[in-house]
N, C-alpha and C. Protein backbone atom coordinates (compact mmCIF):
# COMPACT_ATOMS: atom_id res chain seq x y z
N MET A 1 77.78 -27.04 49.51
CA MET A 1 76.97 -26.46 48.50
C MET A 1 75.56 -27.02 48.54
N ARG A 2 74.73 -26.13 48.28
CA ARG A 2 73.32 -26.56 48.31
C ARG A 2 72.88 -26.99 46.93
N THR A 3 72.18 -28.03 46.87
CA THR A 3 71.60 -28.45 45.59
C THR A 3 70.15 -28.02 45.55
N LYS A 4 69.71 -27.68 44.38
CA LYS A 4 68.32 -27.24 44.24
C LYS A 4 67.42 -28.45 44.23
N GLU A 5 66.48 -28.40 45.09
CA GLU A 5 65.51 -29.48 45.14
C GLU A 5 64.34 -29.13 44.23
N PRO A 6 63.85 -30.08 43.48
CA PRO A 6 62.68 -29.78 42.63
C PRO A 6 61.46 -29.51 43.50
N PHE A 7 60.80 -28.44 43.17
CA PHE A 7 59.61 -28.07 43.93
C PHE A 7 58.41 -28.82 43.38
N GLY A 8 57.59 -29.28 44.24
CA GLY A 8 56.33 -29.91 43.83
C GLY A 8 55.34 -28.85 43.37
N ASP A 9 55.53 -27.63 43.83
CA ASP A 9 54.63 -26.54 43.45
C ASP A 9 54.77 -26.17 41.98
N LYS A 10 55.97 -26.38 41.43
CA LYS A 10 56.19 -26.05 40.02
C LYS A 10 55.31 -26.92 39.13
N ASP A 11 55.21 -28.18 39.45
CA ASP A 11 54.38 -29.10 38.69
C ASP A 11 52.90 -28.73 38.85
N LEU A 12 52.49 -28.36 40.05
CA LEU A 12 51.12 -27.94 40.32
C LEU A 12 50.80 -26.65 39.56
N PHE A 13 51.72 -25.71 39.53
CA PHE A 13 51.53 -24.44 38.82
C PHE A 13 51.32 -24.70 37.32
N GLN A 14 52.16 -25.55 36.73
CA GLN A 14 52.04 -25.86 35.31
C GLN A 14 50.70 -26.52 35.01
N ARG A 15 50.27 -27.42 35.86
CA ARG A 15 48.96 -28.07 35.65
C ARG A 15 47.82 -27.06 35.78
N THR A 16 47.91 -26.16 36.71
CA THR A 16 46.87 -25.14 36.90
C THR A 16 46.80 -24.21 35.69
N VAL A 17 47.94 -23.77 35.21
CA VAL A 17 47.97 -22.89 34.04
C VAL A 17 47.43 -23.63 32.82
N THR A 18 47.81 -24.88 32.66
CA THR A 18 47.31 -25.69 31.54
C THR A 18 45.80 -25.85 31.63
N ALA A 19 45.29 -26.11 32.84
CA ALA A 19 43.84 -26.25 33.02
C ALA A 19 43.13 -24.94 32.72
N LEU A 20 43.68 -23.82 33.16
CA LEU A 20 43.07 -22.51 32.88
C LEU A 20 43.08 -22.20 31.39
N LEU A 21 44.17 -22.52 30.72
CA LEU A 21 44.24 -22.29 29.27
C LEU A 21 43.23 -23.17 28.53
N ALA A 22 43.09 -24.41 28.99
CA ALA A 22 42.10 -25.31 28.38
C ALA A 22 40.68 -24.78 28.61
N ALA A 23 40.42 -24.26 29.81
CA ALA A 23 39.10 -23.69 30.11
C ALA A 23 38.83 -22.46 29.23
N CYS A 24 39.85 -21.61 29.05
CA CYS A 24 39.70 -20.44 28.18
C CYS A 24 39.41 -20.86 26.74
N LEU A 25 40.14 -21.88 26.28
CA LEU A 25 39.92 -22.39 24.93
C LEU A 25 38.51 -22.94 24.78
N LEU A 26 38.04 -23.67 25.77
CA LEU A 26 36.69 -24.23 25.74
C LEU A 26 35.64 -23.11 25.73
N LEU A 27 35.83 -22.09 26.56
CA LEU A 27 34.89 -20.97 26.60
C LEU A 27 34.89 -20.19 25.28
N THR A 28 36.06 -20.02 24.69
CA THR A 28 36.15 -19.33 23.40
C THR A 28 35.42 -20.12 22.31
N ALA A 29 35.59 -21.42 22.32
CA ALA A 29 34.90 -22.26 21.32
C ALA A 29 33.39 -22.20 21.53
N ALA A 30 32.94 -22.26 22.79
CA ALA A 30 31.50 -22.19 23.06
C ALA A 30 30.94 -20.82 22.65
N SER A 31 31.68 -19.78 22.93
CA SER A 31 31.24 -18.43 22.55
C SER A 31 31.15 -18.29 21.04
N THR A 32 32.12 -18.84 20.34
CA THR A 32 32.10 -18.79 18.88
C THR A 32 30.90 -19.56 18.33
N ALA A 33 30.62 -20.73 18.89
CA ALA A 33 29.48 -21.53 18.43
C ALA A 33 28.16 -20.80 18.67
N VAL A 34 28.01 -20.20 19.84
CA VAL A 34 26.78 -19.46 20.13
C VAL A 34 26.63 -18.27 19.19
N THR A 35 27.73 -17.59 18.92
CA THR A 35 27.69 -16.44 18.01
C THR A 35 27.28 -16.87 16.60
N TRP A 36 27.82 -17.97 16.10
CA TRP A 36 27.47 -18.44 14.76
C TRP A 36 26.00 -18.86 14.70
N ILE A 37 25.52 -19.53 15.75
CA ILE A 37 24.11 -19.92 15.77
C ILE A 37 23.22 -18.68 15.78
N TYR A 38 23.59 -17.68 16.57
CA TYR A 38 22.82 -16.44 16.63
C TYR A 38 22.82 -15.72 15.29
N LEU A 39 23.99 -15.64 14.66
CA LEU A 39 24.08 -14.98 13.35
C LEU A 39 23.28 -15.71 12.29
N ALA A 40 23.27 -17.05 12.34
CA ALA A 40 22.47 -17.81 11.38
C ALA A 40 20.98 -17.53 11.58
N ALA A 41 20.54 -17.44 12.83
CA ALA A 41 19.13 -17.14 13.10
C ALA A 41 18.78 -15.74 12.62
N ILE A 42 19.65 -14.78 12.87
CA ILE A 42 19.40 -13.41 12.40
C ILE A 42 19.34 -13.37 10.88
N ASN A 43 20.22 -14.10 10.22
CA ASN A 43 20.25 -14.13 8.76
C ASN A 43 18.93 -14.66 8.22
N ARG A 44 18.39 -15.71 8.84
CA ARG A 44 17.09 -16.24 8.40
C ARG A 44 16.01 -15.20 8.58
N GLU A 45 16.01 -14.50 9.72
CA GLU A 45 15.00 -13.46 9.95
C GLU A 45 15.13 -12.32 8.96
N ILE A 46 16.34 -11.94 8.64
CA ILE A 46 16.56 -10.87 7.67
C ILE A 46 16.07 -11.30 6.30
N THR A 47 16.32 -12.56 5.94
CA THR A 47 15.86 -13.06 4.64
C THR A 47 14.34 -13.05 4.58
N VAL A 48 13.68 -13.49 5.65
CA VAL A 48 12.22 -13.48 5.69
C VAL A 48 11.69 -12.05 5.63
N ALA A 49 12.31 -11.16 6.39
CA ALA A 49 11.87 -9.76 6.38
C ALA A 49 12.08 -9.13 5.01
N THR A 50 13.19 -9.44 4.37
CA THR A 50 13.48 -8.86 3.06
C THR A 50 12.48 -9.36 2.03
N SER A 51 12.17 -10.66 2.03
CA SER A 51 11.20 -11.17 1.06
C SER A 51 9.82 -10.60 1.35
N SER A 52 9.49 -10.44 2.64
CA SER A 52 8.21 -9.85 3.00
C SER A 52 8.14 -8.40 2.56
N GLN A 53 9.24 -7.68 2.71
CA GLN A 53 9.27 -6.28 2.28
C GLN A 53 9.15 -6.17 0.77
N SER A 54 9.79 -7.08 0.04
CA SER A 54 9.70 -7.00 -1.41
C SER A 54 8.27 -7.29 -1.87
N GLU A 55 7.59 -8.21 -1.19
CA GLU A 55 6.18 -8.46 -1.52
C GLU A 55 5.35 -7.22 -1.21
N SER A 56 5.64 -6.56 -0.11
CA SER A 56 4.91 -5.35 0.25
C SER A 56 5.15 -4.25 -0.77
N VAL A 57 6.38 -4.13 -1.23
CA VAL A 57 6.70 -3.11 -2.23
C VAL A 57 5.95 -3.39 -3.52
N ARG A 58 5.92 -4.67 -3.93
CA ARG A 58 5.18 -5.02 -5.15
C ARG A 58 3.70 -4.69 -4.99
N ALA A 59 3.12 -5.00 -3.83
CA ALA A 59 1.70 -4.71 -3.59
C ALA A 59 1.45 -3.21 -3.60
N LEU A 60 2.36 -2.43 -3.00
CA LEU A 60 2.19 -0.98 -3.00
C LEU A 60 2.31 -0.39 -4.40
N LEU A 61 3.22 -0.94 -5.20
CA LEU A 61 3.34 -0.46 -6.57
C LEU A 61 2.08 -0.77 -7.38
N ALA A 62 1.52 -1.97 -7.18
CA ALA A 62 0.28 -2.32 -7.87
C ALA A 62 -0.85 -1.42 -7.43
N ALA A 63 -0.93 -1.14 -6.13
CA ALA A 63 -1.97 -0.24 -5.62
C ALA A 63 -1.77 1.17 -6.18
N ASN A 64 -0.52 1.60 -6.31
CA ASN A 64 -0.23 2.92 -6.84
C ASN A 64 -0.66 3.01 -8.31
N VAL A 65 -0.42 1.94 -9.07
CA VAL A 65 -0.82 1.93 -10.48
C VAL A 65 -2.33 2.02 -10.59
N SER A 66 -3.04 1.24 -9.76
CA SER A 66 -4.50 1.28 -9.83
C SER A 66 -5.03 2.62 -9.34
N LEU A 67 -4.35 3.21 -8.35
CA LEU A 67 -4.74 4.53 -7.88
C LEU A 67 -4.54 5.58 -8.97
N ASP A 68 -3.46 5.47 -9.72
CA ASP A 68 -3.23 6.39 -10.84
C ASP A 68 -4.33 6.25 -11.89
N ALA A 69 -4.75 5.01 -12.15
CA ALA A 69 -5.83 4.80 -13.12
C ALA A 69 -7.13 5.43 -12.62
N VAL A 70 -7.45 5.26 -11.36
CA VAL A 70 -8.66 5.86 -10.78
C VAL A 70 -8.55 7.37 -10.80
N ARG A 71 -7.37 7.89 -10.48
CA ARG A 71 -7.16 9.34 -10.48
C ARG A 71 -7.36 9.90 -11.88
N GLY A 72 -6.84 9.21 -12.88
CA GLY A 72 -7.01 9.66 -14.26
C GLY A 72 -8.47 9.65 -14.69
N GLU A 73 -9.19 8.60 -14.33
CA GLU A 73 -10.61 8.52 -14.68
C GLU A 73 -11.40 9.61 -13.96
N THR A 74 -11.07 9.86 -12.70
CA THR A 74 -11.75 10.91 -11.94
C THR A 74 -11.48 12.28 -12.56
N ASN A 75 -10.24 12.52 -12.97
CA ASN A 75 -9.92 13.79 -13.62
C ASN A 75 -10.71 13.97 -14.92
N LEU A 76 -10.84 12.88 -15.69
CA LEU A 76 -11.64 12.97 -16.92
C LEU A 76 -13.10 13.30 -16.60
N ASN A 77 -13.65 12.64 -15.58
CA ASN A 77 -15.03 12.92 -15.20
C ASN A 77 -15.20 14.35 -14.70
N LEU A 78 -14.23 14.83 -13.93
CA LEU A 78 -14.32 16.21 -13.45
C LEU A 78 -14.21 17.21 -14.59
N ARG A 79 -13.37 16.93 -15.57
CA ARG A 79 -13.28 17.83 -16.73
C ARG A 79 -14.60 17.84 -17.50
N ALA A 80 -15.23 16.68 -17.64
CA ALA A 80 -16.51 16.62 -18.34
C ALA A 80 -17.57 17.42 -17.58
N ILE A 81 -17.59 17.28 -16.27
CA ILE A 81 -18.56 18.05 -15.46
C ILE A 81 -18.28 19.54 -15.57
N ARG A 82 -17.01 19.92 -15.53
CA ARG A 82 -16.64 21.33 -15.66
C ARG A 82 -17.09 21.88 -17.01
N ASP A 83 -16.86 21.13 -18.08
CA ASP A 83 -17.27 21.59 -19.41
C ASP A 83 -18.80 21.72 -19.50
N GLU A 84 -19.50 20.76 -18.88
CA GLU A 84 -20.96 20.83 -18.91
C GLU A 84 -21.47 22.03 -18.12
N LEU A 85 -20.87 22.30 -16.98
CA LEU A 85 -21.26 23.47 -16.20
C LEU A 85 -20.94 24.76 -16.95
N HIS A 86 -19.81 24.77 -17.63
CA HIS A 86 -19.45 25.95 -18.42
C HIS A 86 -20.49 26.18 -19.52
N ALA A 87 -20.89 25.09 -20.17
CA ALA A 87 -21.91 25.22 -21.23
C ALA A 87 -23.23 25.70 -20.64
N LEU A 88 -23.62 25.17 -19.48
CA LEU A 88 -24.87 25.61 -18.85
C LEU A 88 -24.80 27.08 -18.45
N ASN A 89 -23.64 27.52 -17.98
CA ASN A 89 -23.48 28.94 -17.64
C ASN A 89 -23.61 29.82 -18.87
N GLN A 90 -23.07 29.37 -19.98
CA GLN A 90 -23.20 30.14 -21.21
C GLN A 90 -24.67 30.21 -21.64
N LYS A 91 -25.38 29.09 -21.56
CA LYS A 91 -26.81 29.09 -21.91
C LYS A 91 -27.59 30.00 -20.98
N ALA A 92 -27.23 29.98 -19.68
CA ALA A 92 -27.94 30.83 -18.71
C ALA A 92 -27.67 32.30 -19.00
N SER A 93 -26.44 32.63 -19.39
CA SER A 93 -26.16 34.03 -19.68
C SER A 93 -26.89 34.48 -20.95
N ILE A 94 -27.04 33.60 -21.92
CA ILE A 94 -27.79 33.93 -23.13
C ILE A 94 -29.26 34.09 -22.79
N ALA A 95 -29.78 33.17 -21.97
CA ALA A 95 -31.20 33.22 -21.60
C ALA A 95 -31.49 34.44 -20.74
N GLU A 96 -30.52 34.94 -20.01
CA GLU A 96 -30.72 36.11 -19.19
C GLU A 96 -31.00 37.33 -20.05
N ASP A 97 -30.37 37.36 -21.21
CA ASP A 97 -30.60 38.49 -22.11
C ASP A 97 -31.98 38.44 -22.75
N VAL A 98 -32.55 37.27 -22.88
CA VAL A 98 -33.89 37.11 -23.50
C VAL A 98 -34.93 37.29 -22.41
N LYS A 99 -35.89 38.16 -22.68
CA LYS A 99 -36.93 38.37 -21.72
C LYS A 99 -38.10 37.45 -22.06
N PRO A 100 -38.71 36.92 -21.03
CA PRO A 100 -39.84 36.04 -21.32
C PRO A 100 -41.00 36.84 -21.94
N PRO A 101 -41.78 36.20 -22.75
CA PRO A 101 -42.90 36.94 -23.36
C PRO A 101 -43.91 37.39 -22.30
N GLN A 102 -44.44 38.56 -22.55
CA GLN A 102 -45.41 39.09 -21.59
C GLN A 102 -46.78 38.54 -21.92
N ASN A 103 -47.50 38.23 -20.89
CA ASN A 103 -48.86 37.70 -21.09
C ASN A 103 -49.80 38.88 -21.37
N GLN A 104 -50.57 38.74 -22.42
CA GLN A 104 -51.54 39.78 -22.73
C GLN A 104 -52.91 39.30 -22.26
N PRO A 105 -53.62 40.15 -21.57
CA PRO A 105 -54.94 39.74 -21.08
C PRO A 105 -56.00 39.74 -22.13
């Protein structure tokens, strides 16, 4: 009867698989660390961009309010000019009906 002899290759195979699994675990850990560092950097950039955008929105709203005030003042001035022109047109139409006095020699 033959007895099974222990193979030296079996021990080598187990060590190789263990080394490969350890390498995979190390690469997974490194990948996870790089991903977390990248996400933290993106989060900081998003926070800066968001605060910058909110400042921009506040500035635009303030500019819009001042623009509305200028628009309102301009409309008031234009209405006053329109009313004045209307009054001048009425005076001109009345004066058109009046004939200037004739000069007598």
